[in-house]
Every structure is written in C-alpha cells, then in structure tokens.
Amino acid sequence: MIPFLADYFKVWLDEDAMKEFIVNGFYTAKFQTNEKVYDKVNVIAINTEACYNANYYLMSNRQDPGGQLQWLEEKLL
C-alpha cells in the first residue's frame, strides 16, 4: 500500500490498524465516535483491488493475494 494514502485514514485508525493498512491495504479496528469506543463492534476494511476483474496479475497468480482471505477468516473466528 502506498503510505501517503494512510494519511487520509489516520484520524480513524489506531497504530495497529494503520500498520496493517500500510503493509496490506486492509485492516480491522474498533468502531468509535468522538465520545465512545464500541468494544463489541469491529470495522473490517478489505482491499477490493484483489477482486477487480481487470487485475491481470491475479490471472497468473490465483492465490490469496497478501493473505487477505486467511486474515479475514482469522478475524471472523
């Protein structure tokens, strides 16, 4: 992920989510408002570029790009 894009999200993401986003382009974080953090609600953001049908790299490499599906399965369990 291009690090400068992470600057757009820094107001919403904690340090762990920011690191994950910069490296992989996906993250998970606790839902929060200005007043409260909701411990039982997680925001999961995935990198949809992996599903883009004109992503010709994926046609030659049909594995789990960046381990995103494995990561998502772990987060959901």
PDB file of N, CA and C in Angstrom:
ATOM      1  N   MET A   1       0.856  -1.173   0.000  1.00  0.00           N
ATOM      2  CA  MET A   1       0.000   0.000   0.000  1.00  0.00           C
ATOM      3  C   MET A   1       0.892   1.222   0.000  1.00  0.00           C
ATOM      4  N   ILE A   2       0.467   2.227  -0.676  1.00  0.00           N
ATOM      5  CA  ILE A   2       1.240   3.464  -0.729  1.00  0.00           C
ATOM      6  C   ILE A   2       1.031   4.218   0.582  1.00  0.00           C
ATOM      7  N   PRO A   3       2.125   4.457   1.331  1.00  0.00           N
ATOM      8  CA  PRO A   3       1.980   5.057   2.668  1.00  0.00           C
ATOM      9  C   PRO A   3       1.248   6.393   2.706  1.00  0.00           C
ATOM     10  N   PHE A   4       1.363   7.221   1.652  1.00  0.00           N
ATOM     11  CA  PHE A   4       0.693   8.523   1.721  1.00  0.00           C
ATOM     12  C   PHE A   4      -0.824   8.374   1.780  1.00  0.00           C
ATOM     13  N   LEU A   5      -1.380   7.280   1.269  1.00  0.00           N
ATOM     14  CA  LEU A   5      -2.823   7.073   1.373  1.00  0.00           C
ATOM     15  C   LEU A   5      -3.260   6.878   2.827  1.00  0.00           C
ATOM     16  N   ALA A   6      -2.374   6.344   3.633  1.00  0.00           N
ATOM     17  CA  ALA A   6      -2.696   6.114   5.040  1.00  0.00           C
ATOM     18  C   ALA A   6      -2.979   7.418   5.767  1.00  0.00           C
ATOM     19  N   ASP A   7      -2.404   8.508   5.311  1.00  0.00           N
ATOM     20  CA  ASP A   7      -2.655   9.804   5.956  1.00  0.00           C
ATOM     21  C   ASP A   7      -4.132  10.173   5.950  1.00  0.00           C
ATOM     22  N   TYR A   8      -4.868   9.743   4.941  1.00  0.00           N
ATOM     23  CA  TYR A   8      -6.296  10.041   4.874  1.00  0.00           C
ATOM     24  C   TYR A   8      -7.095   9.331   5.967  1.00  0.00           C
ATOM     25  N   PHE A   9      -6.545   8.233   6.481  1.00  0.00           N
ATOM     26  CA  PHE A   9      -7.266   7.410   7.449  1.00  0.00           C
ATOM     27  C   PHE A   9      -6.766   7.576   8.889  1.00  0.00           C
ATOM     28  N   LYS A  10      -5.705   8.353   9.094  1.00  0.00           N
ATOM     29  CA  LYS A  10      -5.071   8.406  10.407  1.00  0.00           C
ATOM     30  C   LYS A  10      -5.981   8.926  11.522  1.00  0.00           C
ATOM     31  N   VAL A  11      -6.997   9.698  11.193  1.00  0.00           N
ATOM     32  CA  VAL A  11      -7.902  10.193  12.242  1.00  0.00           C
ATOM     33  C   VAL A  11      -8.814   9.087  12.778  1.00  0.00           C
ATOM     34  N   TRP A  12      -8.974   8.009  12.013  1.00  0.00           N
ATOM     35  CA  TRP A  12      -9.877   6.937  12.430  1.00  0.00           C
ATOM     36  C   TRP A  12      -9.157   5.684  12.913  1.00  0.00           C
ATOM     37  N   LEU A  13      -7.898   5.506  12.551  1.00  0.00           N
ATOM     38  CA  LEU A  13      -7.222   4.247  12.819  1.00  0.00           C
ATOM     39  C   LEU A  13      -6.226   4.353  13.958  1.00  0.00           C
ATOM     40  N   ASP A  14      -6.194   3.309  14.780  1.00  0.00           N
ATOM     41  CA  ASP A  14      -5.168   3.250  15.807  1.00  0.00           C
ATOM     42  C   ASP A  14      -3.855   2.778  15.175  1.00  0.00           C
ATOM     43  N   GLU A  15      -2.810   2.692  15.957  1.00  0.00           N
ATOM     44  CA  GLU A  15      -1.482   2.373  15.429  1.00  0.00           C
ATOM     45  C   GLU A  15      -1.429   1.002  14.755  1.00  0.00           C
ATOM     46  N   ASP A  16      -2.050  -0.008  15.372  1.00  0.00           N
ATOM     47  CA  ASP A  16      -2.038  -1.356  14.787  1.00  0.00           C
ATOM     48  C   ASP A  16      -2.777  -1.408  13.456  1.00  0.00           C
ATOM     49  N   ALA A  17      -3.943  -0.795  13.403  1.00  0.00           N
ATOM     50  CA  ALA A  17      -4.719  -0.773  12.159  1.00  0.00           C
ATOM     51  C   ALA A  17      -3.976  -0.014  11.073  1.00  0.00           C
ATOM     52  N   MET A  18      -3.321   1.073  11.455  1.00  0.00           N
ATOM     53  CA  MET A  18      -2.565   1.862  10.489  1.00  0.00           C
ATOM     54  C   MET A  18      -1.415   1.054   9.895  1.00  0.00           C
ATOM     55  N   LYS A  19      -0.683   0.332  10.730  1.00  0.00           N
ATOM     56  CA  LYS A  19       0.414  -0.516  10.241  1.00  0.00           C
ATOM     57  C   LYS A  19      -0.116  -1.575   9.285  1.00  0.00           C
ATOM     58  N   GLU A  20      -1.215  -2.204   9.659  1.00  0.00           N
ATOM     59  CA  GLU A  20      -1.818  -3.236   8.830  1.00  0.00           C
ATOM     60  C   GLU A  20      -2.265  -2.667   7.473  1.00  0.00           C
ATOM     61  N   PHE A  21      -2.844  -1.490   7.495  1.00  0.00           N
ATOM     62  CA  PHE A  21      -3.299  -0.845   6.266  1.00  0.00           C
ATOM     63  C   PHE A  21      -2.125  -0.488   5.352  1.00  0.00           C
ATOM     64  N   ILE A  22      -1.070   0.056   5.918  1.00  0.00           N
ATOM     65  CA  ILE A  22       0.092   0.447   5.117  1.00  0.00           C
ATOM     66  C   ILE A  22       0.739  -0.758   4.447  1.00  0.00           C
ATOM     67  N   VAL A  23       0.848  -1.864   5.179  1.00  0.00           N
ATOM     68  CA  VAL A  23       1.507  -3.054   4.636  1.00  0.00           C
ATOM     69  C   VAL A  23       0.608  -3.817   3.673  1.00  0.00           C
ATOM     70  N   ASN A  24      -0.669  -3.992   4.015  1.00  0.00           N
ATOM     71  CA  ASN A  24      -1.541  -4.913   3.282  1.00  0.00           C
ATOM     72  C   ASN A  24      -2.683  -4.269   2.510  1.00  0.00           C
ATOM     73  N   GLY A  25      -3.080  -3.067   2.890  1.00  0.00           N
ATOM     74  CA  GLY A  25      -4.216  -2.435   2.231  1.00  0.00           C
ATOM     75  C   GLY A  25      -5.548  -2.855   2.823  1.00  0.00           C
ATOM     76  N   PHE A  26      -5.532  -3.571   3.934  1.00  0.00           N
ATOM     77  CA  PHE A  26      -6.754  -3.929   4.648  1.00  0.00           C
ATOM     78  C   PHE A  26      -6.477  -3.818   6.139  1.00  0.00           C
ATOM     79  N   TYR A  27      -7.541  -3.697   6.938  1.00  0.00           N
ATOM     80  CA  TYR A  27      -7.364  -3.532   8.383  1.00  0.00           C
ATOM     81  C   TYR A  27      -8.651  -3.846   9.110  1.00  0.00           C
ATOM     82  N   THR A  28      -8.533  -3.943  10.424  1.00  0.00           N
ATOM     83  CA  THR A  28      -9.685  -4.022  11.309  1.00  0.00           C
ATOM     84  C   THR A  28      -9.441  -3.069  12.476  1.00  0.00           C
ATOM     85  N   ALA A  29     -10.507  -2.464  12.961  1.00  0.00           N
ATOM     86  CA  ALA A  29     -10.404  -1.518  14.069  1.00  0.00           C
ATOM     87  C   ALA A  29     -11.718  -1.514  14.835  1.00  0.00           C
ATOM     88  N   LYS A  30     -11.646  -1.128  16.084  1.00  0.00           N
ATOM     89  CA  LYS A  30     -12.848  -0.959  16.882  1.00  0.00           C
ATOM     90  C   LYS A  30     -13.623   0.246  16.361  1.00  0.00           C
ATOM     91  N   PHE A  31     -14.946   0.123  16.331  1.00  0.00           N
ATOM     92  CA  PHE A  31     -15.779   1.250  15.913  1.00  0.00           C
ATOM     93  C   PHE A  31     -15.754   2.297  17.005  1.00  0.00           C
ATOM     94  N   GLN A  32     -15.583   3.557  16.602  1.00  0.00           N
ATOM     95  CA  GLN A  32     -15.576   4.621  17.598  1.00  0.00           C
ATOM     96  C   GLN A  32     -16.185   5.891  17.048  1.00  0.00           C
ATOM     97  N   THR A  33     -16.717   6.663  17.959  1.00  0.00           N
ATOM     98  CA  THR A  33     -17.195   8.004  17.633  1.00  0.00           C
ATOM     99  C   THR A  33     -16.304   8.969  18.402  1.00  0.00           C
ATOM    100  N   ASN A  34     -16.611  10.233  18.358  1.00  0.00           N
ATOM    101  CA  ASN A  34     -15.799  11.206  19.103  1.00  0.00           C
ATOM    102  C   ASN A  34     -15.875  10.979  20.611  1.00  0.00           C
ATOM    103  N   GLU A  35     -16.973  10.404  21.071  1.00  0.00           N
ATOM    104  CA  GLU A  35     -17.180  10.251  22.509  1.00  0.00           C
ATOM    105  C   GLU A  35     -16.895   8.850  23.036  1.00  0.00           C
ATOM    106  N   LYS A  36     -16.986   7.827  22.192  1.00  0.00           N
ATOM    107  CA  LYS A  36     -17.000   6.466  22.722  1.00  0.00           C
ATOM    108  C   LYS A  36     -16.374   5.473  21.746  1.00  0.00           C
ATOM    109  N   VAL A  37     -15.725   4.446  22.332  1.00  0.00           N
ATOM    110  CA  VAL A  37     -15.218   3.311  21.557  1.00  0.00           C
ATOM    111  C   VAL A  37     -16.140   2.133  21.856  1.00  0.00           C
ATOM    112  N   TYR A  38     -16.650   1.499  20.812  1.00  0.00           N
ATOM    113  CA  TYR A  38     -17.558   0.365  20.969  1.00  0.00           C
ATOM    114  C   TYR A  38     -16.755  -0.929  20.876  1.00  0.00           C
ATOM    115  N   ASP A  39     -16.491  -1.536  22.027  1.00  0.00           N
ATOM    116  CA  ASP A  39     -15.628  -2.722  22.087  1.00  0.00           C
ATOM    117  C   ASP A  39     -16.194  -3.926  21.354  1.00  0.00           C
ATOM    118  N   LYS A  40     -17.509  -4.010  21.219  1.00  0.00           N
ATOM    119  CA  LYS A  40     -18.114  -5.183  20.595  1.00  0.00           C
ATOM    120  C   LYS A  40     -18.399  -5.004  19.103  1.00  0.00           C
ATOM    121  N   VAL A  41     -17.966  -3.876  18.534  1.00  0.00           N
ATOM    122  CA  VAL A  41     -18.215  -3.613  17.113  1.00  0.00           C
ATOM    123  C   VAL A  41     -16.871  -3.366  16.421  1.00  0.00           C
ATOM    124  N   ASN A  42     -16.569  -4.204  15.439  1.00  0.00           N
ATOM    125  CA  ASN A  42     -15.339  -4.045  14.674  1.00  0.00           C
ATOM    126  C   ASN A  42     -15.650  -3.586  13.264  1.00  0.00           C
ATOM    127  N   VAL A  43     -14.817  -2.693  12.770  1.00  0.00           N
ATOM    128  CA  VAL A  43     -14.865  -2.284  11.370  1.00  0.00           C
ATOM    129  C   VAL A  43     -13.823  -3.130  10.652  1.00  0.00           C
ATOM    130  N   ILE A  44     -14.240  -3.808   9.594  1.00  0.00           N
ATOM    131  CA  ILE A  44     -13.319  -4.614   8.799  1.00  0.00           C
ATOM    132  C   ILE A  44     -13.296  -4.013   7.397  1.00  0.00           C
ATOM    133  N   ALA A  45     -12.128  -3.576   6.971  1.00  0.00           N
ATOM    134  CA  ALA A  45     -11.962  -2.983   5.641  1.00  0.00           C
ATOM    135  C   ALA A  45     -11.048  -3.893   4.833  1.00  0.00           C
ATOM    136  N   ILE A  46     -11.525  -4.310   3.671  1.00  0.00           N
ATOM    137  CA  ILE A  46     -10.729  -5.197   2.833  1.00  0.00           C
ATOM    138  C   ILE A  46     -10.247  -4.456   1.589  1.00  0.00           C
ATOM    139  N   ASN A  47      -9.238  -5.004   0.967  1.00  0.00           N
ATOM    140  CA  ASN A  47      -8.674  -4.441  -0.246  1.00  0.00           C
ATOM    141  C   ASN A  47      -9.407  -5.070  -1.428  1.00  0.00           C
ATOM    142  N   THR A  48     -10.324  -4.347  -2.016  1.00  0.00           N
ATOM    143  CA  THR A  48     -11.129  -4.903  -3.110  1.00  0.00           C
ATOM    144  C   THR A  48     -10.384  -4.959  -4.436  1.00  0.00           C
ATOM    145  N   GLU A  49      -9.202  -4.402  -4.498  1.00  0.00           N
ATOM    146  CA  GLU A  49      -8.393  -4.498  -5.717  1.00  0.00           C
ATOM    147  C   GLU A  49      -8.122  -5.962  -6.052  1.00  0.00           C
ATOM    148  N   ALA A  50      -8.098  -6.816  -5.040  1.00  0.00           N
ATOM    149  CA  ALA A  50      -7.871  -8.248  -5.252  1.00  0.00           C
ATOM    150  C   ALA A  50      -9.024  -8.900  -6.016  1.00  0.00           C
ATOM    151  N   CYS A  51     -10.176  -8.265  -6.043  1.00  0.00           N
ATOM    152  CA  CYS A  51     -11.341  -8.815  -6.739  1.00  0.00           C
ATOM    153  C   CYS A  51     -11.615  -8.140  -8.076  1.00  0.00           C
ATOM    154  N   TYR A  52     -10.830  -7.175  -8.421  1.00  0.00           N
ATOM    155  CA  TYR A  52     -11.020  -6.408  -9.652  1.00  0.00           C
ATOM    156  C   TYR A  52     -10.728  -7.304 -10.854  1.00  0.00           C
ATOM    157  N   ASN A  53     -11.686  -7.493 -11.741  1.00  0.00           N
ATOM    158  CA  ASN A  53     -11.539  -8.455 -12.835  1.00  0.00           C
ATOM    159  C   ASN A  53     -10.544  -8.026 -13.906  1.00  0.00           C
ATOM    160  N   ALA A  54     -10.102  -6.794 -13.903  1.00  0.00           N
ATOM    161  CA  ALA A  54      -9.078  -6.362 -14.847  1.00  0.00           C
ATOM    162  C   ALA A  54      -7.692  -6.336 -14.202  1.00  0.00           C
ATOM    163  N   ASN A  55      -7.562  -6.950 -13.036  1.00  0.00           N
ATOM    164  CA  ASN A  55      -6.271  -7.062 -12.369  1.00  0.00           C
ATOM    165  C   ASN A  55      -5.560  -8.269 -12.968  1.00  0.00           C
ATOM    166  N   TYR A  56      -4.776  -8.031 -14.016  1.00  0.00           N
ATOM    167  CA  TYR A  56      -4.176  -9.115 -14.786  1.00  0.00           C
ATOM    168  C   TYR A  56      -3.144  -9.903 -13.994  1.00  0.00           C
ATOM    169  N   TYR A  57      -2.582  -9.313 -12.965  1.00  0.00           N
ATOM    170  CA  TYR A  57      -1.659 -10.048 -12.102  1.00  0.00           C
ATOM    171  C   TYR A  57      -2.366 -11.252 -11.481  1.00  0.00           C
ATOM    172  N   LEU A  58      -3.616 -11.071 -11.088  1.00  0.00           N
ATOM    173  CA  LEU A  58      -4.341 -12.164 -10.440  1.00  0.00           C
ATOM    174  C   LEU A  58      -4.668 -13.308 -11.393  1.00  0.00           C
ATOM    175  N   MET A  59      -4.724 -13.023 -12.681  1.00  0.00           N
ATOM    176  CA  MET A  59      -4.985 -14.096 -13.635  1.00  0.00           C
ATOM    177  C   MET A  59      -3.827 -15.091 -13.672  1.00  0.00           C
ATOM    178  N   SER A  60      -2.619 -14.618 -13.441  1.00  0.00           N
ATOM    179  CA  SER A  60      -1.463 -15.508 -13.431  1.00  0.00           C
ATOM    180  C   SER A  60      -1.160 -16.028 -12.032  1.00  0.00           C
ATOM    181  N   ASN A  61      -1.666 -15.373 -11.012  1.00  0.00           N
ATOM    182  CA  ASN A  61      -1.404 -15.764  -9.627  1.00  0.00           C
ATOM    183  C   ASN A  61      -2.730 -15.790  -8.885  1.00  0.00           C
ATOM    184  N   ARG A  62      -3.401 -16.915  -8.891  1.00  0.00           N
ATOM    185  CA  ARG A  62      -4.745 -17.006  -8.300  1.00  0.00           C
ATOM    186  C   ARG A  62      -4.721 -17.387  -6.826  1.00  0.00           C
ATOM    187  N   GLN A  63      -3.622 -17.180  -6.173  1.00  0.00           N
ATOM    188  CA  GLN A  63      -3.525 -17.437  -4.743  1.00  0.00           C
ATOM    189  C   GLN A  63      -4.228 -16.323  -3.968  1.00  0.00           C
ATOM    190  N   ASP A  64      -4.180 -16.410  -2.685  1.00  0.00           N
ATOM    191  CA  ASP A  64      -4.771 -15.399  -1.812  1.00  0.00           C
ATOM    192  C   ASP A  64      -3.820 -14.198  -1.736  1.00  0.00           C
ATOM    193  N   PRO A  65      -4.079 -13.124  -2.494  1.00  0.00           N
ATOM    194  CA  PRO A  65      -3.140 -12.006  -2.527  1.00  0.00           C
ATOM    195  C   PRO A  65      -2.996 -11.333  -1.165  1.00  0.00           C
ATOM    196  N   GLY A  66      -1.762 -11.269  -0.699  1.00  0.00           N
ATOM    197  CA  GLY A  66      -1.494 -10.631   0.593  1.00  0.00           C
ATOM    198  C   GLY A  66      -2.013 -11.412   1.777  1.00  0.00           C
ATOM    199  N   GLY A  67      -2.511 -12.626   1.566  1.00  0.00           N
ATOM    200  CA  GLY A  67      -3.067 -13.413   2.667  1.00  0.00           C
ATOM    201  C   GLY A  67      -4.358 -12.824   3.208  1.00  0.00           C
ATOM    202  N   GLN A  68      -5.046 -12.027   2.386  1.00  0.00           N
ATOM    203  CA  GLN A  68      -6.244 -11.311   2.842  1.00  0.00           C
ATOM    204  C   GLN A  68      -7.382 -12.248   3.264  1.00  0.00           C
ATOM    205  N   LEU A  69      -7.636 -13.292   2.503  1.00  0.00           N
ATOM    206  CA  LEU A  69      -8.736 -14.197   2.859  1.00  0.00           C
ATOM    207  C   LEU A  69      -8.434 -14.968   4.135  1.00  0.00           C
ATOM    208  N   GLN A  70      -7.190 -15.382   4.296  1.00  0.00           N
ATOM    209  CA  GLN A  70      -6.799 -16.067   5.529  1.00  0.00           C
ATOM    210  C   GLN A  70      -6.927 -15.110   6.718  1.00  0.00           C
ATOM    211  N   TRP A  71      -6.477 -13.878   6.537  1.00  0.00           N
ATOM    212  CA  TRP A  71      -6.571 -12.852   7.582  1.00  0.00           C
ATOM    213  C   TRP A  71      -8.040 -12.624   7.964  1.00  0.00           C
ATOM    214  N   LEU A  72      -8.910 -12.515   6.948  1.00  0.00           N
ATOM    215  CA  LEU A  72     -10.322 -12.278   7.195  1.00  0.00           C
ATOM    216  C   LEU A  72     -10.951 -13.437   7.959  1.00  0.00           C
ATOM    217  N   GLU A  73     -10.612 -14.648   7.579  1.00  0.00           N
ATOM    218  CA  GLU A  73     -11.135 -15.818   8.291  1.00  0.00           C
ATOM    219  C   GLU A  73     -10.709 -15.801   9.752  1.00  0.00           C
ATOM    220  N   GLU A  74      -9.468 -15.456  10.027  1.00  0.00           N
ATOM    221  CA  GLU A  74      -8.976 -15.381  11.403  1.00  0.00           C
ATOM    222  C   GLU A  74      -9.708 -14.307  12.197  1.00  0.00           C
ATOM    223  N   LYS A  75      -9.994 -13.168  11.566  1.00  0.00           N
ATOM    224  CA  LYS A  75     -10.686 -12.078  12.250  1.00  0.00           C
ATOM    225  C   LYS A  75     -12.140 -12.425  12.565  1.00  0.00           C
ATOM    226  N   LEU A  76     -12.747 -13.239  11.722  1.00  0.00           N
ATOM    227  CA  LEU A  76     -14.153 -13.592  11.905  1.00  0.00           C
ATOM    228  C   LEU A  76     -14.358 -14.714  12.913  1.00  0.00           C
ATOM    229  N   LEU A  77     -13.329 -15.458  13.200  1.00  0.00           N
ATOM    230  CA  LEU A  77     -13.477 -16.561  14.159  1.00  0.00           C
ATOM    231  C   LEU A  77     -13.311 -16.142  15.573  1.00  0.00           C
TER     232      LEU A  77
END
